[in-house]
Amino acid sequence: MEYRRRKKSGSMRSRPRSRAQSSSGAGGMIVSLILIAGIVYIIVTSNAGEWVAREVMAPLFSAVSSIGDKANDAPSSLNNSGTTAGGINLSTGESTAAESANAVLPALNCYMLQMGVYSSHENAQKEAERLRALGAAGYIFADSSYGETRYRVMASGYDSEQSAKSVKDRLTSEGVEAAMYTLSSPQASFRVTADKSAIEDICGAFAAFDEAIGSMGQAVIRFDKESLSVADGKLICADILNAFDAKLTPLESFSGTDGTLGEILGAYSDCRAQLDTVRGGEYQSIVDFSSAMKYTHLYIASRYAAMVEKLAG
């Protein structure tokens, strides 16, 4: 498919996705976390409060960031077998110096901590709101892999299976019901033809999502463990957004809203809007901001996985 350069348009907005219900008991976890949250708020201004935030809340929800499914209800969303898709022609025709190279969308494995599975949106949303009030993501992942939609409520996500499992096991030992769900997508590669001067930037853009997911995951852990301020967290998110823009902006100079380029730019628009929202939002507390960071991490991972799945066929 031939794409032509056009003037860069303004960034598009994305809308957060909502999902739904039928509960799989996360009540024990809620009770435990509410107690923890109460302790934190009562002594938040004291040295003891700082210790609890660092040693209890941070480890719990840092690890919470990657478990997500009940014992018998947690398959990976996709396999990670690499796929090779069709070629993409981004040559402008303005120069004869065009060349081809492989552009790769890296494989993804995000290990999510799941606190409940529901068959209706309303029940899942209630559980998600309770988790957000405690500093967890409260991200709702709509899973249709069983032939009917199930709404999985996630607390957080990790790039390490062992880290996720260790937190799940610790919660289980404390009587909190949780499970690990692996969100996966395969590597997808494309043969890209473009002007020699642009080929390197274009191929680099394909890795931008993977880099943003990794950076956001690390930012979540750092924010909690180092007890950073909301202002500090916003600066970190701004840096991630700027790096994301720098990688993907070159693709916006090409016209075409269908096919591979259209899918990538659509995902870019959605993820960019979510990053911009967490960076520019107003928050009542560091707990609220920590929840927003975790939500953003899982949102970008899920949006990327959906994009790669569609492109990989």
C-alpha atoms as a PDB file:
ATOM      1  CA  MET A   1       0.000   0.000   0.000  1.00  0.00           C
ATOM      2  CA  GLU A   2       1.320   3.434  -0.937  1.00  0.00           C
ATOM      3  CA  TYR A   3       1.302   6.207   1.641  1.00  0.00           C
ATOM      4  CA  ARG A   4       1.984   9.890   0.950  1.00  0.00           C
ATOM      5  CA  ARG A   5       3.353  12.496   3.298  1.00  0.00           C
ATOM      6  CA  ARG A   6       0.908  14.958   4.792  1.00  0.00           C
ATOM      7  CA  LYS A   7       1.016  17.720   7.362  1.00  0.00           C
ATOM      8  CA  LYS A   8       1.079  16.496  10.913  1.00  0.00           C
ATOM      9  CA  SER A   9      -2.371  16.612  12.459  1.00  0.00           C
ATOM     10  CA  GLY A  10      -3.188  17.224  16.083  1.00  0.00           C
ATOM     11  CA  SER A  11      -3.071  14.253  18.422  1.00  0.00           C
ATOM     12  CA  MET A  12      -6.292  12.282  18.589  1.00  0.00           C
ATOM     13  CA  ARG A  13      -8.147  11.594  21.762  1.00  0.00           C
ATOM     14  CA  SER A  14      -8.797   8.198  23.223  1.00  0.00           C
ATOM     15  CA  ARG A  15     -11.603   7.088  25.427  1.00  0.00           C
ATOM     16  CA  PRO A  16     -10.972   4.714  28.312  1.00  0.00           C
ATOM     17  CA  ARG A  17     -12.714   1.410  27.838  1.00  0.00           C
ATOM     18  CA  SER A  18     -15.282   0.233  30.313  1.00  0.00           C
ATOM     19  CA  ARG A  19     -16.055  -3.413  30.956  1.00  0.00           C
ATOM     20  CA  ALA A  20     -18.446  -5.496  33.131  1.00  0.00           C
ATOM     21  CA  GLN A  21     -19.512  -8.327  35.887  1.00  0.00           C
ATOM     22  CA  SER A  22     -20.429 -11.696  37.770  1.00  0.00           C
ATOM     23  CA  SER A  23     -18.163 -11.939  40.747  1.00  0.00           C
ATOM     24  CA  SER A  24     -15.392 -14.317  41.653  1.00  0.00           C
ATOM     25  CA  GLY A  25     -14.760 -13.345  45.244  1.00  0.00           C
ATOM     26  CA  ALA A  26     -12.151 -10.730  45.914  1.00  0.00           C
ATOM     27  CA  GLY A  27     -13.858  -9.783  49.182  1.00  0.00           C
ATOM     28  CA  GLY A  28     -11.054 -11.071  51.366  1.00  0.00           C
ATOM     29  CA  MET A  29      -8.514  -8.988  49.537  1.00  0.00           C
ATOM     30  CA  ILE A  30     -10.704  -5.878  49.779  1.00  0.00           C
ATOM     31  CA  VAL A  31     -11.100  -6.250  53.555  1.00  0.00           C
ATOM     32  CA  SER A  32      -7.344  -6.705  54.007  1.00  0.00           C
ATOM     33  CA  LEU A  33      -6.464  -3.765  51.812  1.00  0.00           C
ATOM     34  CA  ILE A  34      -9.049  -1.500  53.406  1.00  0.00           C
ATOM     35  CA  LEU A  35      -7.470  -2.228  56.788  1.00  0.00           C
ATOM     36  CA  ILE A  36      -4.032  -1.477  55.379  1.00  0.00           C
ATOM     37  CA  ALA A  37      -5.277   1.705  53.726  1.00  0.00           C
ATOM     38  CA  GLY A  38      -6.881   2.815  56.990  1.00  0.00           C
ATOM     39  CA  ILE A  39      -3.615   2.388  58.830  1.00  0.00           C
ATOM     40  CA  VAL A  40      -1.775   4.335  56.165  1.00  0.00           C
ATOM     41  CA  TYR A  41      -4.173   7.274  56.277  1.00  0.00           C
ATOM     42  CA  ILE A  42      -4.225   7.406  60.068  1.00  0.00           C
ATOM     43  CA  ILE A  43      -0.435   7.601  60.406  1.00  0.00           C
ATOM     44  CA  VAL A  44       0.448   8.990  56.996  1.00  0.00           C
ATOM     45  CA  THR A  45       2.208  12.062  58.360  1.00  0.00           C
ATOM     46  CA  SER A  46       4.398  10.159  60.797  1.00  0.00           C
ATOM     47  CA  ASN A  47       7.624   8.235  60.300  1.00  0.00           C
ATOM     48  CA  ALA A  48       5.636   5.069  60.876  1.00  0.00           C
ATOM     49  CA  GLY A  49       3.305   6.151  58.103  1.00  0.00           C
ATOM     50  CA  GLU A  50       6.234   6.473  55.727  1.00  0.00           C
ATOM     51  CA  TRP A  51       7.422   2.999  56.706  1.00  0.00           C
ATOM     52  CA  VAL A  52       3.997   1.436  56.078  1.00  0.00           C
ATOM     53  CA  ALA A  53       3.718   3.099  52.681  1.00  0.00           C
ATOM     54  CA  ARG A  54       7.173   1.916  51.722  1.00  0.00           C
ATOM     55  CA  GLU A  55       7.159  -1.560  53.227  1.00  0.00           C
ATOM     56  CA  VAL A  56       3.497  -2.590  52.948  1.00  0.00           C
ATOM     57  CA  MET A  57       1.569  -0.623  50.333  1.00  0.00           C
ATOM     58  CA  ALA A  58       4.413  -0.317  47.815  1.00  0.00           C
ATOM     59  CA  PRO A  59       5.457  -3.988  47.799  1.00  0.00           C
ATOM     60  CA  LEU A  60       1.826  -5.130  47.691  1.00  0.00           C
ATOM     61  CA  PHE A  61       0.775  -3.041  44.735  1.00  0.00           C
ATOM     62  CA  SER A  62       4.115  -3.098  42.956  1.00  0.00           C
ATOM     63  CA  ALA A  63       3.780  -6.824  42.835  1.00  0.00           C
ATOM     64  CA  VAL A  64       0.067  -6.529  42.318  1.00  0.00           C
ATOM     65  CA  SER A  65       1.041  -5.227  38.943  1.00  0.00           C
ATOM     66  CA  SER A  66       1.190  -8.596  37.268  1.00  0.00           C
ATOM     67  CA  ILE A  67      -1.104 -11.321  38.417  1.00  0.00           C
ATOM     68  CA  GLY A  68      -4.455 -11.948  36.918  1.00  0.00           C
ATOM     69  CA  ASP A  69      -6.464 -15.145  36.798  1.00  0.00           C
ATOM     70  CA  LYS A  70      -8.069 -17.806  38.938  1.00  0.00           C
ATOM     71  CA  ALA A  71      -6.226 -21.092  39.245  1.00  0.00           C
ATOM     72  CA  ASN A  72      -8.230 -22.863  36.566  1.00  0.00           C
ATOM     73  CA  ASP A  73      -9.184 -19.747  34.689  1.00  0.00           C
ATOM     74  CA  ALA A  74      -5.994 -18.063  33.497  1.00  0.00           C
ATOM     75  CA  PRO A  75      -4.701 -18.956  30.061  1.00  0.00           C
ATOM     76  CA  SER A  76      -2.408 -16.642  28.149  1.00  0.00           C
ATOM     77  CA  SER A  77      -4.331 -14.403  25.794  1.00  0.00           C
ATOM     78  CA  LEU A  78      -2.112 -15.228  22.806  1.00  0.00           C
ATOM     79  CA  ASN A  79       0.902 -17.343  22.009  1.00  0.00           C
ATOM     80  CA  ASN A  80       4.221 -15.682  21.306  1.00  0.00           C
ATOM     81  CA  SER A  81       5.045 -17.331  18.005  1.00  0.00           C
ATOM     82  CA  GLY A  82       6.461 -14.683  15.732  1.00  0.00           C
ATOM     83  CA  THR A  83       4.543 -13.707  12.628  1.00  0.00           C
ATOM     84  CA  THR A  84       5.582 -11.974   9.443  1.00  0.00           C
ATOM     85  CA  ALA A  85       3.013  -9.651   7.894  1.00  0.00           C
ATOM     86  CA  GLY A  86       2.906  -8.011   4.493  1.00  0.00           C
ATOM     87  CA  GLY A  87       5.122  -5.201   3.326  1.00  0.00           C
ATOM     88  CA  ILE A  88       4.478  -1.498   3.911  1.00  0.00           C
ATOM     89  CA  ASN A  89       5.468   1.063   1.325  1.00  0.00           C
ATOM     90  CA  LEU A  90       6.083   4.486   2.870  1.00  0.00           C
ATOM     91  CA  SER A  91       8.229   5.831   0.062  1.00  0.00           C
ATOM     92  CA  THR A  92       7.228   9.367  -0.864  1.00  0.00           C
ATOM     93  CA  GLY A  93       8.372   9.156  -4.449  1.00  0.00           C
ATOM     94  CA  GLU A  94      10.301  12.368  -3.904  1.00  0.00           C
ATOM     95  CA  SER A  95      13.614  10.597  -4.102  1.00  0.00           C
ATOM     96  CA  THR A  96      15.003   7.517  -5.783  1.00  0.00           C
ATOM     97  CA  ALA A  97      16.976   6.737  -2.624  1.00  0.00           C
ATOM     98  CA  ALA A  98      14.427   4.291  -1.153  1.00  0.00           C
ATOM     99  CA  GLU A  99      15.374   1.163   0.741  1.00  0.00           C
ATOM    100  CA  SER A 100      13.714  -1.660   2.664  1.00  0.00           C
ATOM    101  CA  ALA A 101      14.175  -2.948   6.210  1.00  0.00           C
ATOM    102  CA  ASN A 102      12.381  -5.148   8.739  1.00  0.00           C
ATOM    103  CA  ALA A 103      10.305  -3.313  11.340  1.00  0.00           C
ATOM    104  CA  VAL A 104       9.342  -5.356  14.402  1.00  0.00           C
ATOM    105  CA  LEU A 105       6.511  -5.076  16.907  1.00  0.00           C
ATOM    106  CA  PRO A 106       8.059  -6.928  19.889  1.00  0.00           C
ATOM    107  CA  ALA A 107       6.295  -9.788  21.640  1.00  0.00           C
ATOM    108  CA  LEU A 108       4.560  -8.928  24.905  1.00  0.00           C
ATOM    109  CA  ASN A 109       4.155 -10.819  28.168  1.00  0.00           C
ATOM    110  CA  CYS A 110       2.426  -8.831  30.894  1.00  0.00           C
ATOM    111  CA  TYR A 111       1.729 -10.785  34.082  1.00  0.00           C
ATOM    112  CA  MET A 112      -1.354  -9.301  35.721  1.00  0.00           C
ATOM    113  CA  LEU A 113      -2.631  -9.687  39.266  1.00  0.00           C
ATOM    114  CA  GLN A 114      -6.329 -10.502  38.970  1.00  0.00           C
ATOM    115  CA  MET A 115      -8.642  -9.891  41.907  1.00  0.00           C
ATOM    116  CA  GLY A 116     -11.932 -11.075  40.425  1.00  0.00           C
ATOM    117  CA  VAL A 117     -13.746 -12.309  37.307  1.00  0.00           C
ATOM    118  CA  TYR A 118     -17.244 -11.079  36.449  1.00  0.00           C
ATOM    119  CA  SER A 119     -19.880 -11.709  33.809  1.00  0.00           C
ATOM    120  CA  SER A 120     -21.440  -8.245  34.038  1.00  0.00           C
ATOM    121  CA  HIS A 121     -19.945  -4.795  33.633  1.00  0.00           C
ATOM    122  CA  GLU A 122     -21.708  -3.313  36.631  1.00  0.00           C
ATOM    123  CA  ASN A 123     -20.245  -5.722  39.184  1.00  0.00           C
ATOM    124  CA  ALA A 124     -16.765  -5.502  37.687  1.00  0.00           C
ATOM    125  CA  GLN A 125     -16.940  -1.707  37.786  1.00  0.00           C
ATOM    126  CA  LYS A 126     -17.850  -1.721  41.483  1.00  0.00           C
ATOM    127  CA  GLU A 127     -14.892  -3.952  42.268  1.00  0.00           C
ATOM    128  CA  ALA A 128     -12.594  -1.800  40.129  1.00  0.00           C
ATOM    129  CA  GLU A 129     -13.644   1.354  41.983  1.00  0.00           C
ATOM    130  CA  ARG A 130     -12.920  -0.244  45.358  1.00  0.00           C
ATOM    131  CA  LEU A 131      -9.465  -1.268  44.174  1.00  0.00           C
ATOM    132  CA  ARG A 132      -8.672   2.189  42.815  1.00  0.00           C
ATOM    133  CA  ALA A 133      -9.519   3.730  46.178  1.00  0.00           C
ATOM    134  CA  LEU A 134      -6.776   1.519  47.634  1.00  0.00           C
ATOM    135  CA  GLY A 135      -4.131   2.500  45.100  1.00  0.00           C
ATOM    136  CA  ALA A 136      -4.496  -0.463  42.730  1.00  0.00           C
ATOM    137  CA  ALA A 137      -5.195  -0.153  39.008  1.00  0.00           C
ATOM    138  CA  GLY A 138      -8.794  -1.316  39.009  1.00  0.00           C
ATOM    139  CA  TYR A 139      -8.328  -2.068  35.327  1.00  0.00           C
ATOM    140  CA  ILE A 140     -11.092  -4.100  33.676  1.00  0.00           C
ATOM    141  CA  PHE A 141      -9.940  -6.471  30.951  1.00  0.00           C
ATOM    142  CA  ALA A 142     -12.704  -7.820  28.722  1.00  0.00           C
ATOM    143  CA  ASP A 143     -11.869 -11.415  27.795  1.00  0.00           C
ATOM    144  CA  SER A 144     -13.944 -13.165  25.125  1.00  0.00           C
ATOM    145  CA  SER A 145     -11.661 -16.169  24.697  1.00  0.00           C
ATOM    146  CA  TYR A 146     -14.233 -18.526  26.255  1.00  0.00           C
ATOM    147  CA  GLY A 147     -16.970 -17.647  23.784  1.00  0.00           C
ATOM    148  CA  GLU A 148     -18.635 -15.278  26.218  1.00  0.00           C
ATOM    149  CA  THR A 149     -17.258 -12.068  27.643  1.00  0.00           C
ATOM    150  CA  ARG A 150     -15.719 -12.217  31.095  1.00  0.00           C
ATOM    151  CA  TYR A 151     -14.558  -9.072  32.849  1.00  0.00           C
ATOM    152  CA  ARG A 152     -11.310  -9.541  34.706  1.00  0.00           C
ATOM    153  CA  VAL A 153     -10.504  -6.897  37.316  1.00  0.00           C
ATOM    154  CA  MET A 154      -6.761  -6.316  37.551  1.00  0.00           C
ATOM    155  CA  ALA A 155      -4.760  -4.700  40.328  1.00  0.00           C
ATOM    156  CA  SER A 156      -1.427  -4.250  38.541  1.00  0.00           C
ATOM    157  CA  GLY A 157       1.045  -5.845  36.130  1.00  0.00           C
ATOM    158  CA  TYR A 158       4.659  -7.082  35.938  1.00  0.00           C
ATOM    159  CA  ASP A 159       7.057  -8.063  33.178  1.00  0.00           C
ATOM    160  CA  SER A 160       8.388 -10.892  35.374  1.00  0.00           C
ATOM    161  CA  GLU A 161       6.337 -14.037  35.965  1.00  0.00           C
ATOM    162  CA  GLN A 162       8.332 -14.884  39.083  1.00  0.00           C
ATOM    163  CA  SER A 163       7.692 -11.464  40.625  1.00  0.00           C
ATOM    164  CA  ALA A 164       3.982 -11.764  39.950  1.00  0.00           C
ATOM    165  CA  LYS A 165       3.804 -15.289  41.331  1.00  0.00           C
ATOM    166  CA  SER A 166       5.658 -14.387  44.507  1.00  0.00           C
ATOM    167  CA  VAL A 167       3.155 -11.637  45.289  1.00  0.00           C
ATOM    168  CA  LYS A 168       0.184 -13.853  44.477  1.00  0.00           C
ATOM    169  CA  ASP A 169       1.558 -16.546  46.760  1.00  0.00           C
ATOM    170  CA  ARG A 170       2.109 -14.037  49.544  1.00  0.00           C
ATOM    171  CA  LEU A 171      -1.450 -12.747  49.250  1.00  0.00           C
ATOM    172  CA  THR A 172      -2.771 -16.320  49.201  1.00  0.00           C
ATOM    173  CA  SER A 173      -0.829 -17.140  52.378  1.00  0.00           C
ATOM    174  CA  GLU A 174      -2.519 -14.159  54.028  1.00  0.00           C
ATOM    175  CA  GLY A 175      -5.980 -15.369  53.010  1.00  0.00           C
ATOM    176  CA  VAL A 176      -6.429 -12.944  50.105  1.00  0.00           C
ATOM    177  CA  GLU A 177      -7.838 -14.520  46.956  1.00  0.00           C
ATOM    178  CA  ALA A 178      -5.871 -13.526  43.845  1.00  0.00           C
ATOM    179  CA  ALA A 179      -4.697 -15.144  40.644  1.00  0.00           C
ATOM    180  CA  MET A 180      -2.253 -14.548  37.819  1.00  0.00           C
ATOM    181  CA  TYR A 181      -3.337 -13.812  34.274  1.00  0.00           C
ATOM    182  CA  THR A 182      -0.803 -13.553  31.462  1.00  0.00           C
ATOM    183  CA  LEU A 183      -1.563 -11.069  28.720  1.00  0.00           C
ATOM    184  CA  SER A 184       0.528 -12.089  25.713  1.00  0.00           C
ATOM    185  CA  SER A 185       0.972 -11.092  22.105  1.00  0.00           C
ATOM    186  CA  PRO A 186       3.359 -12.484  19.476  1.00  0.00           C
ATOM    187  CA  GLN A 187       6.158 -10.656  17.760  1.00  0.00           C
ATOM    188  CA  ALA A 188       5.069  -9.282  14.386  1.00  0.00           C
ATOM    189  CA  SER A 189       7.489  -8.109  11.698  1.00  0.00           C
ATOM    190  CA  PHE A 190       6.881  -6.053   8.577  1.00  0.00           C
ATOM    191  CA  ARG A 191       8.986  -5.298   5.540  1.00  0.00           C
ATOM    192  CA  VAL A 192       9.022  -1.506   5.291  1.00  0.00           C
ATOM    193  CA  THR A 193      10.086   0.440   2.216  1.00  0.00           C
ATOM    194  CA  ALA A 194      10.783   4.144   2.693  1.00  0.00           C
ATOM    195  CA  ASP A 195      13.155   6.927   1.771  1.00  0.00           C
ATOM    196  CA  LYS A 196      16.650   6.231   3.026  1.00  0.00           C
ATOM    197  CA  SER A 197      16.605   9.327   5.232  1.00  0.00           C
ATOM    198  CA  ALA A 198      13.490   8.121   7.101  1.00  0.00           C
ATOM    199  CA  ILE A 199      13.853   4.345   7.286  1.00  0.00           C
ATOM    200  CA  GLU A 200      15.663   4.286  10.639  1.00  0.00           C
ATOM    201  CA  ASP A 201      13.075   6.496  12.359  1.00  0.00           C
ATOM    202  CA  ILE A 202      10.200   4.478  10.898  1.00  0.00           C
ATOM    203  CA  CYS A 203      11.590   1.144  12.097  1.00  0.00           C
ATOM    204  CA  GLY A 204      12.305   2.660  15.516  1.00  0.00           C
ATOM    205  CA  ALA A 205       8.692   3.743  15.833  1.00  0.00           C
ATOM    206  CA  PHE A 206       7.538   0.122  15.861  1.00  0.00           C
ATOM    207  CA  ALA A 207       9.335  -0.437  19.193  1.00  0.00           C
ATOM    208  CA  ALA A 208       7.818   2.627  20.873  1.00  0.00           C
ATOM    209  CA  PHE A 209       4.891   0.773  22.476  1.00  0.00           C
ATOM    210  CA  ASP A 210       7.093  -1.893  24.031  1.00  0.00           C
ATOM    211  CA  GLU A 211       9.398   0.783  25.430  1.00  0.00           C
ATOM    212  CA  ALA A 212       6.486   2.779  26.865  1.00  0.00           C
ATOM    213  CA  ILE A 213       5.023  -0.328  28.535  1.00  0.00           C
ATOM    214  CA  GLY A 214       8.382  -1.174  30.113  1.00  0.00           C
ATOM    215  CA  SER A 215       8.994   2.403  31.227  1.00  0.00           C
ATOM    216  CA  MET A 216       5.533   2.718  32.740  1.00  0.00           C
ATOM    217  CA  GLY A 217       5.924  -0.556  34.629  1.00  0.00           C
ATOM    218  CA  GLN A 218       9.205   0.624  36.116  1.00  0.00           C
ATOM    219  CA  ALA A 219       7.714   4.035  36.908  1.00  0.00           C
ATOM    220  CA  VAL A 220       4.927   2.394  38.932  1.00  0.00           C
ATOM    221  CA  ILE A 221       7.436   0.480  41.039  1.00  0.00           C
ATOM    222  CA  ARG A 222       9.674   3.505  41.531  1.00  0.00           C
ATOM    223  CA  PHE A 223       6.783   5.776  42.512  1.00  0.00           C
ATOM    224  CA  ASP A 224       5.595   3.400  45.231  1.00  0.00           C
ATOM    225  CA  LYS A 225       8.953   2.232  46.577  1.00  0.00           C
ATOM    226  CA  GLU A 226      10.540   5.686  46.724  1.00  0.00           C
ATOM    227  CA  SER A 227       7.373   7.360  48.068  1.00  0.00           C
ATOM    228  CA  LEU A 228       7.563  10.036  45.374  1.00  0.00           C
ATOM    229  CA  SER A 229       5.250  13.039  45.244  1.00  0.00           C
ATOM    230  CA  VAL A 230       2.473  13.419  42.689  1.00  0.00           C
ATOM    231  CA  ALA A 231       4.508  16.187  41.043  1.00  0.00           C
ATOM    232  CA  ASP A 232       7.484  13.835  40.690  1.00  0.00           C
ATOM    233  CA  GLY A 233       5.253  11.125  39.269  1.00  0.00           C
ATOM    234  CA  LYS A 234       3.803  13.511  36.717  1.00  0.00           C
ATOM    235  CA  LEU A 235       7.297  14.453  35.549  1.00  0.00           C
ATOM    236  CA  ILE A 236       8.144  10.774  35.038  1.00  0.00           C
ATOM    237  CA  CYS A 237       4.948  10.257  33.038  1.00  0.00           C
ATOM    238  CA  ALA A 238       5.733  13.363  30.981  1.00  0.00           C
ATOM    239  CA  ASP A 239       9.150  11.920  30.113  1.00  0.00           C
ATOM    240  CA  ILE A 240       7.537   8.639  29.019  1.00  0.00           C
ATOM    241  CA  LEU A 241       5.017  10.540  26.900  1.00  0.00           C
ATOM    242  CA  ASN A 242       7.727  12.674  25.286  1.00  0.00           C
ATOM    243  CA  ALA A 243       9.774   9.585  24.401  1.00  0.00           C
ATOM    244  CA  PHE A 244       6.647   7.919  23.010  1.00  0.00           C
ATOM    245  CA  ASP A 245       5.886  10.966  20.859  1.00  0.00           C
ATOM    246  CA  ALA A 246       9.461  11.231  19.624  1.00  0.00           C
ATOM    247  CA  LYS A 247       9.351   7.651  18.361  1.00  0.00           C
ATOM    248  CA  LEU A 248       5.918   7.686  16.741  1.00  0.00           C
ATOM    249  CA  THR A 249       5.621  11.227  15.411  1.00  0.00           C
ATOM    250  CA  PRO A 250       7.519  10.313  12.190  1.00  0.00           C
ATOM    251  CA  LEU A 251       4.698   7.928  11.226  1.00  0.00           C
ATOM    252  CA  GLU A 252       2.140  10.729  11.444  1.00  0.00           C
ATOM    253  CA  SER A 253       3.762  12.440   8.456  1.00  0.00           C
ATOM    254  CA  PHE A 254       2.358   9.718   6.181  1.00  0.00           C
ATOM    255  CA  SER A 255      -1.212   9.682   4.953  1.00  0.00           C
ATOM    256  CA  GLY A 256      -3.453   6.626   5.138  1.00  0.00           C
ATOM    257  CA  THR A 257      -5.786   5.578   7.923  1.00  0.00           C
ATOM    258  CA  ASP A 258      -6.305   1.955   6.958  1.00  0.00           C
ATOM    259  CA  GLY A 259      -4.129  -1.124   6.958  1.00  0.00           C
ATOM    260  CA  THR A 260      -1.061  -1.545   9.148  1.00  0.00           C
ATOM    261  CA  LEU A 261      -0.208   2.136   9.439  1.00  0.00           C
ATOM    262  CA  GLY A 262      -3.775   3.023  10.370  1.00  0.00           C
ATOM    263  CA  GLU A 263      -3.848   0.390  13.139  1.00  0.00           C
ATOM    264  CA  ILE A 264      -0.551   1.612  14.577  1.00  0.00           C
ATOM    265  CA  LEU A 265      -1.568   5.268  14.504  1.00  0.00           C
ATOM    266  CA  GLY A 266      -4.922   4.416  16.091  1.00  0.00           C
ATOM    267  CA  ALA A 267      -3.211   2.619  18.970  1.00  0.00           C
ATOM    268  CA  TYR A 268      -0.730   5.492  19.267  1.00  0.00           C
ATOM    269  CA  SER A 269      -3.580   7.995  19.551  1.00  0.00           C
ATOM    270  CA  ASP A 270      -5.317   5.961  22.277  1.00  0.00           C
ATOM    271  CA  CYS A 271      -2.178   5.332  24.332  1.00  0.00           C
ATOM    272  CA  ARG A 272      -0.958   8.885  23.932  1.00  0.00           C
ATOM    273  CA  ALA A 273      -4.272  10.248  25.211  1.00  0.00           C
ATOM    274  CA  GLN A 274      -4.126   7.979  28.270  1.00  0.00           C
ATOM    275  CA  LEU A 275      -0.547   9.056  29.065  1.00  0.00           C
ATOM    276  CA  ASP A 276      -1.563  12.684  28.659  1.00  0.00           C
ATOM    277  CA  THR A 277      -4.511  12.141  31.004  1.00  0.00           C
ATOM    278  CA  VAL A 278      -2.427  10.661  33.820  1.00  0.00           C
ATOM    279  CA  ARG A 279       0.207  13.361  33.385  1.00  0.00           C
ATOM    280  CA  GLY A 280      -2.253  16.255  33.452  1.00  0.00           C
ATOM    281  CA  GLY A 281      -4.930  15.022  35.856  1.00  0.00           C
ATOM    282  CA  GLU A 282      -5.831  16.349  39.283  1.00  0.00           C
ATOM    283  CA  TYR A 283      -5.430  13.940  42.215  1.00  0.00           C
ATOM    284  CA  GLN A 284      -6.572  13.999  45.815  1.00  0.00           C
ATOM    285  CA  SER A 285      -3.645  11.942  47.091  1.00  0.00           C
ATOM    286  CA  ILE A 286      -0.609   9.893  46.117  1.00  0.00           C
ATOM    287  CA  VAL A 287      -2.854   6.824  46.405  1.00  0.00           C
ATOM    288  CA  ASP A 288      -5.058   8.179  43.617  1.00  0.00           C
ATOM    289  CA  PHE A 289      -2.068   8.949  41.429  1.00  0.00           C
ATOM    290  CA  SER A 290      -0.485   5.553  42.061  1.00  0.00           C
ATOM    291  CA  SER A 291      -3.747   3.936  40.963  1.00  0.00           C
ATOM    292  CA  ALA A 292      -3.812   6.067  37.794  1.00  0.00           C
ATOM    293  CA  MET A 293      -0.243   5.043  36.921  1.00  0.00           C
ATOM    294  CA  LYS A 294      -1.038   1.353  37.340  1.00  0.00           C
ATOM    295  CA  TYR A 295      -4.191   1.741  35.260  1.00  0.00           C
ATOM    296  CA  THR A 296      -2.226   3.475  32.496  1.00  0.00           C
ATOM    297  CA  HIS A 297       0.416   0.741  32.487  1.00  0.00           C
ATOM    298  CA  LEU A 298      -2.210  -1.968  31.965  1.00  0.00           C
ATOM    299  CA  TYR A 299      -4.168   0.119  29.475  1.00  0.00           C
ATOM    300  CA  ILE A 300      -1.150   0.577  27.193  1.00  0.00           C
ATOM    301  CA  ALA A 301      -0.227  -3.111  27.456  1.00  0.00           C
ATOM    302  CA  SER A 302      -3.788  -4.194  26.605  1.00  0.00           C
ATOM    303  CA  ARG A 303      -4.133  -1.738  23.729  1.00  0.00           C
ATOM    304  CA  TYR A 304      -0.817  -2.853  22.275  1.00  0.00           C
ATOM    305  CA  ALA A 305      -1.743  -6.538  22.556  1.00  0.00           C
ATOM    306  CA  ALA A 306      -5.059  -5.884  20.760  1.00  0.00           C
ATOM    307  CA  MET A 307      -3.256  -4.032  17.977  1.00  0.00           C
ATOM    308  CA  VAL A 308      -0.659  -6.759  17.452  1.00  0.00           C
ATOM    309  CA  GLU A 309      -3.304  -9.486  17.534  1.00  0.00           C
ATOM    310  CA  LYS A 310      -5.243  -7.718  14.794  1.00  0.00           C
ATOM    311  CA  LEU A 311      -2.173  -7.096  12.631  1.00  0.00           C
ATOM    312  CA  ALA A 312      -0.936 -10.653  13.118  1.00  0.00           C
ATOM    313  CA  GLY A 313      -4.293 -11.984  11.986  1.00  0.00           C
END
